[in-house]
Amino acid sequence: PAYKHDLADVSADSVVFLTNRRDGIDFDVV
């Protein structure tokens, strides 16, 4: 709950999301 996890893409095997959990500022693609 301290960070954002924005849903970006979904397949049968995986979910792609965008998150700023690394530093609270910059977003990564996971």
Full PDB file with SEQRES, HELIX, SHEET, SSBOND, CRYST1, ORIGX, SCALE, CONECT and MASTER records, all heavy atoms in Angstrom:
SEQRES   1 A   30  PRO ALA TYR LYS HIS ASP LEU ALA ASP VAL SER ALA ASP          
SEQRES   2 A   30  SER VAL VAL PHE LEU THR ASN ARG ARG ASP GLY ILE ASP          
SEQRES   3 A   30  PHE ASP VAL VAL                                              
SHEET    1 AA1 3 HIS A   5  VAL A  10  0                                        
SHEET    2 AA1 3 VAL A  15  THR A  19 -1                                        
SHEET    3 AA1 3 ASP A  28  VAL A  29 -1                                        
CRYST1    1.000    1.000    1.000  90.00  90.00  90.00 P 1           1          
ORIGX1      1.000000  0.000000  0.000000        0.00000                         
ORIGX2      0.000000  1.000000  0.000000        0.00000                         
ORIGX3      0.000000  0.000000  1.000000        0.00000                         
SCALE1      1.000000  0.000000  0.000000        0.00000                         
SCALE2      0.000000  1.000000  0.000000        0.00000                         
SCALE3      0.000000  0.000000  1.000000        0.00000                         
ATOM      1  N   PRO A   1       0.793  -1.240   0.000  1.00  0.00           N  
ATOM      2  CA  PRO A   1       0.000   0.000   0.000  1.00  0.00           C  
ATOM      3  C   PRO A   1       0.816   1.277   0.000  1.00  0.00           C  
ATOM      4  O   PRO A   1       0.265   2.359  -0.209  1.00  0.00           O  
ATOM      5  CB  PRO A   1      -0.836  -0.125   1.285  1.00  0.00           C  
ATOM      6  CG  PRO A   1      -0.125  -1.123   2.134  1.00  0.00           C  
ATOM      7  CD  PRO A   1       0.543  -2.068   1.186  1.00  0.00           C  
ATOM      8  N   ALA A   2       2.119   1.178   0.192  1.00  0.00           N  
ATOM      9  CA  ALA A   2       2.959   2.376   0.163  1.00  0.00           C  
ATOM     10  C   ALA A   2       3.275   2.835  -1.253  1.00  0.00           C  
ATOM     11  O   ALA A   2       3.776   3.952  -1.441  1.00  0.00           O  
ATOM     12  CB  ALA A   2       4.256   2.123   0.930  1.00  0.00           C  
ATOM     13  N   TYR A   3       2.976   1.972  -2.261  1.00  0.00           N  
ATOM     14  CA  TYR A   3       3.382   2.282  -3.626  1.00  0.00           C  
ATOM     15  C   TYR A   3       2.267   1.985  -4.619  1.00  0.00           C  
ATOM     16  O   TYR A   3       1.297   1.288  -4.316  1.00  0.00           O  
ATOM     17  CB  TYR A   3       4.635   1.478  -4.001  1.00  0.00           C  
ATOM     18  CG  TYR A   3       5.798   1.740  -3.091  1.00  0.00           C  
ATOM     19  CD1 TYR A   3       6.194   0.804  -2.132  1.00  0.00           C  
ATOM     20  CD2 TYR A   3       6.496   2.946  -3.163  1.00  0.00           C  
ATOM     21  CE1 TYR A   3       7.255   1.053  -1.280  1.00  0.00           C  
ATOM     22  CE2 TYR A   3       7.560   3.206  -2.318  1.00  0.00           C  
ATOM     23  CZ  TYR A   3       7.937   2.269  -1.372  1.00  0.00           C  
ATOM     24  OH  TYR A   3       8.978   2.530  -0.529  1.00  0.00           O  
ATOM     25  N   LYS A   4       2.447   2.491  -5.821  1.00  0.00           N  
ATOM     26  CA  LYS A   4       1.508   2.268  -6.907  1.00  0.00           C  
ATOM     27  C   LYS A   4       1.888   1.029  -7.715  1.00  0.00           C  
ATOM     28  O   LYS A   4       3.076   0.773  -7.928  1.00  0.00           O  
ATOM     29  CB  LYS A   4       1.480   3.477  -7.861  1.00  0.00           C  
ATOM     30  CG  LYS A   4       0.812   4.715  -7.279  1.00  0.00           C  
ATOM     31  CD  LYS A   4       0.944   5.911  -8.218  1.00  0.00           C  
ATOM     32  CE  LYS A   4       0.239   5.703  -9.544  1.00  0.00           C  
ATOM     33  NZ  LYS A   4      -1.222   5.624  -9.399  1.00  0.00           N  
ATOM     34  N   HIS A   5       0.868   0.316  -8.172  1.00  0.00           N  
ATOM     35  CA  HIS A   5       1.071  -0.822  -9.073  1.00  0.00           C  
ATOM     36  C   HIS A   5      -0.039  -0.750 -10.117  1.00  0.00           C  
ATOM     37  O   HIS A   5      -1.142  -1.253  -9.895  1.00  0.00           O  
ATOM     38  CB  HIS A   5       1.010  -2.148  -8.306  1.00  0.00           C  
ATOM     39  CG  HIS A   5       1.789  -2.140  -7.032  1.00  0.00           C  
ATOM     40  ND1 HIS A   5       1.243  -1.721  -5.833  1.00  0.00           N  
ATOM     41  CD2 HIS A   5       3.069  -2.488  -6.768  1.00  0.00           C  
ATOM     42  CE1 HIS A   5       2.163  -1.812  -4.881  1.00  0.00           C  
ATOM     43  NE2 HIS A   5       3.278  -2.275  -5.423  1.00  0.00           N  
ATOM     44  N   ASP A   6       0.238  -0.091 -11.218  1.00  0.00           N  
ATOM     45  CA  ASP A   6      -0.779   0.167 -12.240  1.00  0.00           C  
ATOM     46  C   ASP A   6      -0.797  -0.962 -13.267  1.00  0.00           C  
ATOM     47  O   ASP A   6       0.232  -1.263 -13.892  1.00  0.00           O  
ATOM     48  CB  ASP A   6      -0.504   1.493 -12.946  1.00  0.00           C  
ATOM     49  CG  ASP A   6      -0.626   2.690 -12.011  1.00  0.00           C  
ATOM     50  OD1 ASP A   6      -1.352   2.562 -10.997  1.00  0.00           O  
ATOM     51  OD2 ASP A   6       0.004   3.732 -12.287  1.00  0.00           O  
ATOM     52  N   LEU A   7      -1.958  -1.568 -13.445  1.00  0.00           N  
ATOM     53  CA  LEU A   7      -2.106  -2.675 -14.383  1.00  0.00           C  
ATOM     54  C   LEU A   7      -1.898  -2.187 -15.814  1.00  0.00           C  
ATOM     55  O   LEU A   7      -2.526  -1.233 -16.257  1.00  0.00           O  
ATOM     56  CB  LEU A   7      -3.501  -3.282 -14.231  1.00  0.00           C  
ATOM     57  CG  LEU A   7      -3.834  -4.506 -15.079  1.00  0.00           C  
ATOM     58  CD1 LEU A   7      -2.894  -5.663 -14.764  1.00  0.00           C  
ATOM     59  CD2 LEU A   7      -5.288  -4.911 -14.851  1.00  0.00           C  
ATOM     60  N   ALA A   8      -1.006  -2.856 -16.548  1.00  0.00           N  
ATOM     61  CA  ALA A   8      -0.682  -2.439 -17.909  1.00  0.00           C  
ATOM     62  C   ALA A   8      -1.105  -3.457 -18.962  1.00  0.00           C  
ATOM     63  O   ALA A   8      -1.611  -3.089 -20.019  1.00  0.00           O  
ATOM     64  CB  ALA A   8       0.819  -2.164 -18.040  1.00  0.00           C  
ATOM     65  N   ASP A   9      -0.902  -4.759 -18.707  1.00  0.00           N  
ATOM     66  CA  ASP A   9      -1.172  -5.772 -19.725  1.00  0.00           C  
ATOM     67  C   ASP A   9      -1.356  -7.121 -19.024  1.00  0.00           C  
ATOM     68  O   ASP A   9      -0.754  -7.372 -17.968  1.00  0.00           O  
ATOM     69  CB  ASP A   9       0.001  -5.832 -20.719  1.00  0.00           C  
ATOM     70  CG  ASP A   9      -0.370  -6.509 -22.037  1.00  0.00           C  
ATOM     71  OD1 ASP A   9      -1.553  -6.825 -22.225  1.00  0.00           O  
ATOM     72  OD2 ASP A   9       0.533  -6.721 -22.867  1.00  0.00           O  
ATOM     73  N   VAL A  10      -2.187  -7.982 -19.608  1.00  0.00           N  
ATOM     74  CA  VAL A  10      -2.461  -9.296 -19.030  1.00  0.00           C  
ATOM     75  C   VAL A  10      -2.419 -10.337 -20.137  1.00  0.00           C  
ATOM     76  O   VAL A  10      -2.998 -10.145 -21.216  1.00  0.00           O  
ATOM     77  CB  VAL A  10      -3.850  -9.335 -18.344  1.00  0.00           C  
ATOM     78  CG1 VAL A  10      -4.088 -10.715 -17.717  1.00  0.00           C  
ATOM     79  CG2 VAL A  10      -3.961  -8.254 -17.278  1.00  0.00           C  
ATOM     80  N   SER A  11      -1.748 -11.459 -19.857  1.00  0.00           N  
ATOM     81  CA  SER A  11      -1.789 -12.622 -20.747  1.00  0.00           C  
ATOM     82  C   SER A  11      -2.208 -13.827 -19.923  1.00  0.00           C  
ATOM     83  O   SER A  11      -2.435 -13.730 -18.716  1.00  0.00           O  
ATOM     84  CB  SER A  11      -0.421 -12.867 -21.385  1.00  0.00           C  
ATOM     85  OG  SER A  11       0.484 -13.376 -20.416  1.00  0.00           O  
ATOM     86  N   ALA A  12      -2.291 -14.999 -20.555  1.00  0.00           N  
ATOM     87  CA  ALA A  12      -2.670 -16.203 -19.828  1.00  0.00           C  
ATOM     88  C   ALA A  12      -1.644 -16.577 -18.770  1.00  0.00           C  
ATOM     89  O   ALA A  12      -1.978 -17.245 -17.775  1.00  0.00           O  
ATOM     90  CB  ALA A  12      -2.841 -17.363 -20.813  1.00  0.00           C  
ATOM     91  N   ASP A  13      -0.410 -16.136 -18.957  1.00  0.00           N  
ATOM     92  CA  ASP A  13       0.671 -16.554 -18.069  1.00  0.00           C  
ATOM     93  C   ASP A  13       1.182 -15.471 -17.138  1.00  0.00           C  
ATOM     94  O   ASP A  13       1.804 -15.785 -16.114  1.00  0.00           O  
ATOM     95  CB  ASP A  13       1.858 -17.072 -18.898  1.00  0.00           C  
ATOM     96  CG  ASP A  13       1.462 -18.179 -19.843  1.00  0.00           C  
ATOM     97  OD1 ASP A  13       0.731 -19.095 -19.396  1.00  0.00           O  
ATOM     98  OD2 ASP A  13       1.857 -18.129 -21.026  1.00  0.00           O  
ATOM     99  N   SER A  14       0.955 -14.205 -17.486  1.00  0.00           N  
ATOM    100  CA  SER A  14       1.630 -13.151 -16.720  1.00  0.00           C  
ATOM    101  C   SER A  14       0.834 -11.852 -16.721  1.00  0.00           C  
ATOM    102  O   SER A  14      -0.074 -11.649 -17.525  1.00  0.00           O  
ATOM    103  CB  SER A  14       3.032 -12.904 -17.296  1.00  0.00           C  
ATOM    104  OG  SER A  14       2.943 -12.436 -18.636  1.00  0.00           O  
ATOM    105  N   VAL A  15       1.239 -10.990 -15.807  1.00  0.00           N  
ATOM    106  CA  VAL A  15       0.670  -9.652 -15.686  1.00  0.00           C  
ATOM    107  C   VAL A  15       1.813  -8.648 -15.784  1.00  0.00           C  
ATOM    108  O   VAL A  15       2.849  -8.817 -15.115  1.00  0.00           O  
ATOM    109  CB  VAL A  15      -0.071  -9.487 -14.347  1.00  0.00           C  
ATOM    110  CG1 VAL A  15      -0.447  -8.030 -14.107  1.00  0.00           C  
ATOM    111  CG2 VAL A  15      -1.318 -10.363 -14.318  1.00  0.00           C  
ATOM    112  N   VAL A  16       1.645  -7.630 -16.611  1.00  0.00           N  
ATOM    113  CA  VAL A  16       2.614  -6.539 -16.702  1.00  0.00           C  
ATOM    114  C   VAL A  16       2.052  -5.355 -15.917  1.00  0.00           C  
ATOM    115  O   VAL A  16       0.893  -4.969 -16.102  1.00  0.00           O  
ATOM    116  CB  VAL A  16       2.869  -6.132 -18.169  1.00  0.00           C  
ATOM    117  CG1 VAL A  16       3.884  -4.992 -18.239  1.00  0.00           C  
ATOM    118  CG2 VAL A  16       3.343  -7.327 -18.988  1.00  0.00           C  
ATOM    119  N   PHE A  17       2.867  -4.790 -15.034  1.00  0.00           N  
ATOM    120  CA  PHE A  17       2.404  -3.634 -14.267  1.00  0.00           C  
ATOM    121  C   PHE A  17       3.509  -2.593 -14.144  1.00  0.00           C  
ATOM    122  O   PHE A  17       4.699  -2.877 -14.342  1.00  0.00           O  
ATOM    123  CB  PHE A  17       1.881  -4.052 -12.888  1.00  0.00           C  
ATOM    124  CG  PHE A  17       2.897  -4.667 -11.959  1.00  0.00           C  
ATOM    125  CD1 PHE A  17       3.557  -3.896 -11.005  1.00  0.00           C  
ATOM    126  CD2 PHE A  17       3.192  -6.028 -12.019  1.00  0.00           C  
ATOM    127  CE1 PHE A  17       4.483  -4.456 -10.141  1.00  0.00           C  
ATOM    128  CE2 PHE A  17       4.114  -6.608 -11.158  1.00  0.00           C  
ATOM    129  CZ  PHE A  17       4.774  -5.816 -10.215  1.00  0.00           C  
ATOM    130  N   LEU A  18       3.091  -1.373 -13.835  1.00  0.00           N  
ATOM    131  CA  LEU A  18       3.992  -0.238 -13.668  1.00  0.00           C  
ATOM    132  C   LEU A  18       4.019   0.113 -12.182  1.00  0.00           C  
ATOM    133  O   LEU A  18       2.967   0.278 -11.565  1.00  0.00           O  
ATOM    134  CB  LEU A  18       3.509   0.972 -14.471  1.00  0.00           C  
ATOM    135  CG  LEU A  18       3.024   0.703 -15.904  1.00  0.00           C  
ATOM    136  CD1 LEU A  18       2.480   1.981 -16.532  1.00  0.00           C  
ATOM    137  CD2 LEU A  18       4.152   0.126 -16.751  1.00  0.00           C  
ATOM    138  N   THR A  19       5.207   0.249 -11.620  1.00  0.00           N  
ATOM    139  CA  THR A  19       5.290   0.492 -10.184  1.00  0.00           C  
ATOM    140  C   THR A  19       6.414   1.458  -9.837  1.00  0.00           C  
ATOM    141  O   THR A  19       7.468   1.461 -10.479  1.00  0.00           O  
ATOM    142  CB  THR A  19       5.494  -0.821  -9.410  1.00  0.00           C  
ATOM    143  OG1 THR A  19       5.576  -0.543  -8.009  1.00  0.00           O  
ATOM    144  CG2 THR A  19       6.746  -1.558  -9.862  1.00  0.00           C  
ATOM    145  N   ASN A  20       6.171   2.242  -8.784  1.00  0.00           N  
ATOM    146  CA  ASN A  20       7.203   3.161  -8.279  1.00  0.00           C  
ATOM    147  C   ASN A  20       7.797   2.667  -6.965  1.00  0.00           C  
ATOM    148  O   ASN A  20       8.342   3.446  -6.185  1.00  0.00           O  
ATOM    149  CB  ASN A  20       6.613   4.564  -8.098  1.00  0.00           C  
ATOM    150  CG  ASN A  20       5.519   4.610  -7.032  1.00  0.00           C  
ATOM    151  OD1 ASN A  20       4.945   3.587  -6.647  1.00  0.00           O  
ATOM    152  ND2 ASN A  20       5.204   5.808  -6.552  1.00  0.00           N  
ATOM    153  N   ARG A  21       7.728   1.346  -6.718  1.00  0.00           N  
ATOM    154  CA  ARG A  21       8.158   0.813  -5.430  1.00  0.00           C  
ATOM    155  C   ARG A  21       9.671   0.860  -5.232  1.00  0.00           C  
ATOM    156  O   ARG A  21      10.145   0.696  -4.093  1.00  0.00           O  
ATOM    157  CB  ARG A  21       7.656  -0.623  -5.272  1.00  0.00           C  
ATOM    158  CG  ARG A  21       8.268  -1.620  -6.234  1.00  0.00           C  
ATOM    159  CD  ARG A  21       7.583  -2.976  -6.167  1.00  0.00           C  
ATOM    160  NE  ARG A  21       8.193  -3.943  -7.077  1.00  0.00           N  
ATOM    161  CZ  ARG A  21       7.674  -5.133  -7.339  1.00  0.00           C  
ATOM    162  NH1 ARG A  21       6.525  -5.490  -6.774  1.00  0.00           N  
ATOM    163  NH2 ARG A  21       8.280  -5.957  -8.168  1.00  0.00           N  
ATOM    164  N   ARG A  22      10.426   1.092  -6.300  1.00  0.00           N  
ATOM    165  CA  ARG A  22      11.893   1.125  -6.137  1.00  0.00           C  
ATOM    166  C   ARG A  22      12.329   2.325  -5.315  1.00  0.00           C  
ATOM    167  O   ARG A  22      13.189   2.207  -4.430  1.00  0.00           O  
ATOM    168  CB  ARG A  22      12.564   1.132  -7.523  1.00  0.00           C  
ATOM    169  CG  ARG A  22      14.072   1.262  -7.486  1.00  0.00           C  
ATOM    170  CD  ARG A  22      14.690   0.903  -8.827  1.00  0.00           C  
ATOM    171  NE  ARG A  22      14.026   1.536  -9.948  1.00  0.00           N  
ATOM    172  CZ  ARG A  22      14.329   2.759 -10.418  1.00  0.00           C  
ATOM    173  NH1 ARG A  22      15.291   3.452  -9.849  1.00  0.00           N  
ATOM    174  NH2 ARG A  22      13.679   3.257 -11.447  1.00  0.00           N  
ATOM    175  N   ASP A  23      11.759   3.516  -5.591  1.00  0.00           N  
ATOM    176  CA  ASP A  23      12.164   4.709  -4.848  1.00  0.00           C  
ATOM    177  C   ASP A  23      11.001   5.652  -4.549  1.00  0.00           C  
ATOM    178  O   ASP A  23      11.218   6.742  -4.009  1.00  0.00           O  
ATOM    179  CB  ASP A  23      13.270   5.462  -5.591  1.00  0.00           C  
ATOM    180  CG  ASP A  23      12.834   5.939  -6.982  1.00  0.00           C  
ATOM    181  OD1 ASP A  23      11.635   5.842  -7.306  1.00  0.00           O  
ATOM    182  OD2 ASP A  23      13.700   6.415  -7.739  1.00  0.00           O  
ATOM    183  N   GLY A  24       9.773   5.244  -4.900  1.00  0.00           N  
ATOM    184  CA  GLY A  24       8.616   6.102  -4.646  1.00  0.00           C  
ATOM    185  C   GLY A  24       8.405   7.169  -5.689  1.00  0.00           C  
ATOM    186  O   GLY A  24       7.406   7.895  -5.634  1.00  0.00           O  
ATOM    187  N   ILE A  25       9.307   7.280  -6.639  1.00  0.00           N  
ATOM    188  CA  ILE A  25       9.232   8.349  -7.647  1.00  0.00           C  
ATOM    189  C   ILE A  25       9.214   7.767  -9.057  1.00  0.00           C  
ATOM    190  O   ILE A  25       8.240   7.932  -9.799  1.00  0.00           O  
ATOM    191  CB  ILE A  25      10.416   9.329  -7.498  1.00  0.00           C  
ATOM    192  CG1 ILE A  25      10.421   9.950  -6.098  1.00  0.00           C  
ATOM    193  CG2 ILE A  25      10.343  10.410  -8.571  1.00  0.00           C  
ATOM    194  CD1 ILE A  25      11.641  10.800  -5.805  1.00  0.00           C  
ATOM    195  N   ASP A  26      10.307   7.100  -9.435  1.00  0.00           N  
ATOM    196  CA  ASP A  26      10.432   6.567 -10.795  1.00  0.00           C  
ATOM    197  C   ASP A  26       9.663   5.251 -10.944  1.00  0.00           C  
ATOM    198  O   ASP A  26       9.600   4.436 -10.024  1.00  0.00           O  
ATOM    199  CB  ASP A  26      11.907   6.338 -11.128  1.00  0.00           C  
ATOM    200  CG  ASP A  26      12.668   7.641 -11.229  1.00  0.00           C  
ATOM    201  OD1 ASP A  26      12.253   8.508 -12.024  1.00  0.00           O  
ATOM    202  OD2 ASP A  26      13.667   7.801 -10.504  1.00  0.00           O  
ATOM    203  N   PHE A  27       9.125   5.048 -12.149  1.00  0.00           N  
ATOM    204  CA  PHE A  27       8.333   3.852 -12.411  1.00  0.00           C  
ATOM    205  C   PHE A  27       9.147   2.818 -13.190  1.00  0.00           C  
ATOM    206  O   PHE A  27       9.906   3.163 -14.092  1.00  0.00           O  
ATOM    207  CB  PHE A  27       7.069   4.213 -13.191  1.00  0.00           C  
ATOM    208  CG  PHE A  27       6.006   4.842 -12.338  1.00  0.00           C  
ATOM    209  CD1 PHE A  27       6.086   6.176 -11.974  1.00  0.00           C  
ATOM    210  CD2 PHE A  27       4.933   4.091 -11.876  1.00  0.00           C  
ATOM    211  CE1 PHE A  27       5.127   6.756 -11.173  1.00  0.00           C  
ATOM    212  CE2 PHE A  27       3.963   4.657 -11.072  1.00  0.00           C  
ATOM    213  CZ  PHE A  27       4.048   5.991 -10.718  1.00  0.00           C  
ATOM    214  N   ASP A  28       8.942   1.559 -12.816  1.00  0.00           N  
ATOM    215  CA  ASP A  28       9.546   0.430 -13.516  1.00  0.00           C  
ATOM    216  C   ASP A  28       8.438  -0.372 -14.194  1.00  0.00           C  
ATOM    217  O   ASP A  28       7.273  -0.319 -13.796  1.00  0.00           O  
ATOM    218  CB  ASP A  28      10.285  -0.488 -12.537  1.00  0.00           C  
ATOM    219  CG  ASP A  28      11.392   0.218 -11.778  1.00  0.00           C  
ATOM    220  OD1 ASP A  28      11.876   1.257 -12.268  1.00  0.00           O  
ATOM    221  OD2 ASP A  28      11.762  -0.280 -10.699  1.00  0.00           O  
ATOM    222  N   VAL A  29       8.833  -1.151 -15.204  1.00  0.00           N  
ATOM    223  CA  VAL A  29       7.927  -2.107 -15.836  1.00  0.00           C  
ATOM    224  C   VAL A  29       8.306  -3.493 -15.339  1.00  0.00           C  
ATOM    225  O   VAL A  29       9.444  -3.928 -15.517  1.00  0.00           O  
ATOM    226  CB  VAL A  29       8.018  -2.050 -17.372  1.00  0.00           C  
ATOM    227  CG1 VAL A  29       7.063  -3.072 -17.994  1.00  0.00           C  
ATOM    228  CG2 VAL A  29       7.689  -0.648 -17.877  1.00  0.00           C  
ATOM    229  N   VAL A  30       7.332  -4.172 -14.718  1.00  0.00           N  
ATOM    230  CA  VAL A  30       7.592  -5.466 -14.099  1.00  0.00           C  
ATOM    231  C   VAL A  30       6.605  -6.494 -14.642  1.00  0.00           C  
ATOM    232  O   VAL A  30       5.415  -6.196 -14.817  1.00  0.00           O  
ATOM    233  CB  VAL A  30       7.473  -5.376 -12.563  1.00  0.00           C  
ATOM    234  CG1 VAL A  30       7.726  -6.735 -11.911  1.00  0.00           C  
ATOM    235  CG2 VAL A  30       8.448  -4.341 -12.006  1.00  0.00           C  
TER     236      VAL A  30                                                      
MASTER        0    0    0    0    3    0    0    6  235    1    0    3          
END                                                                             
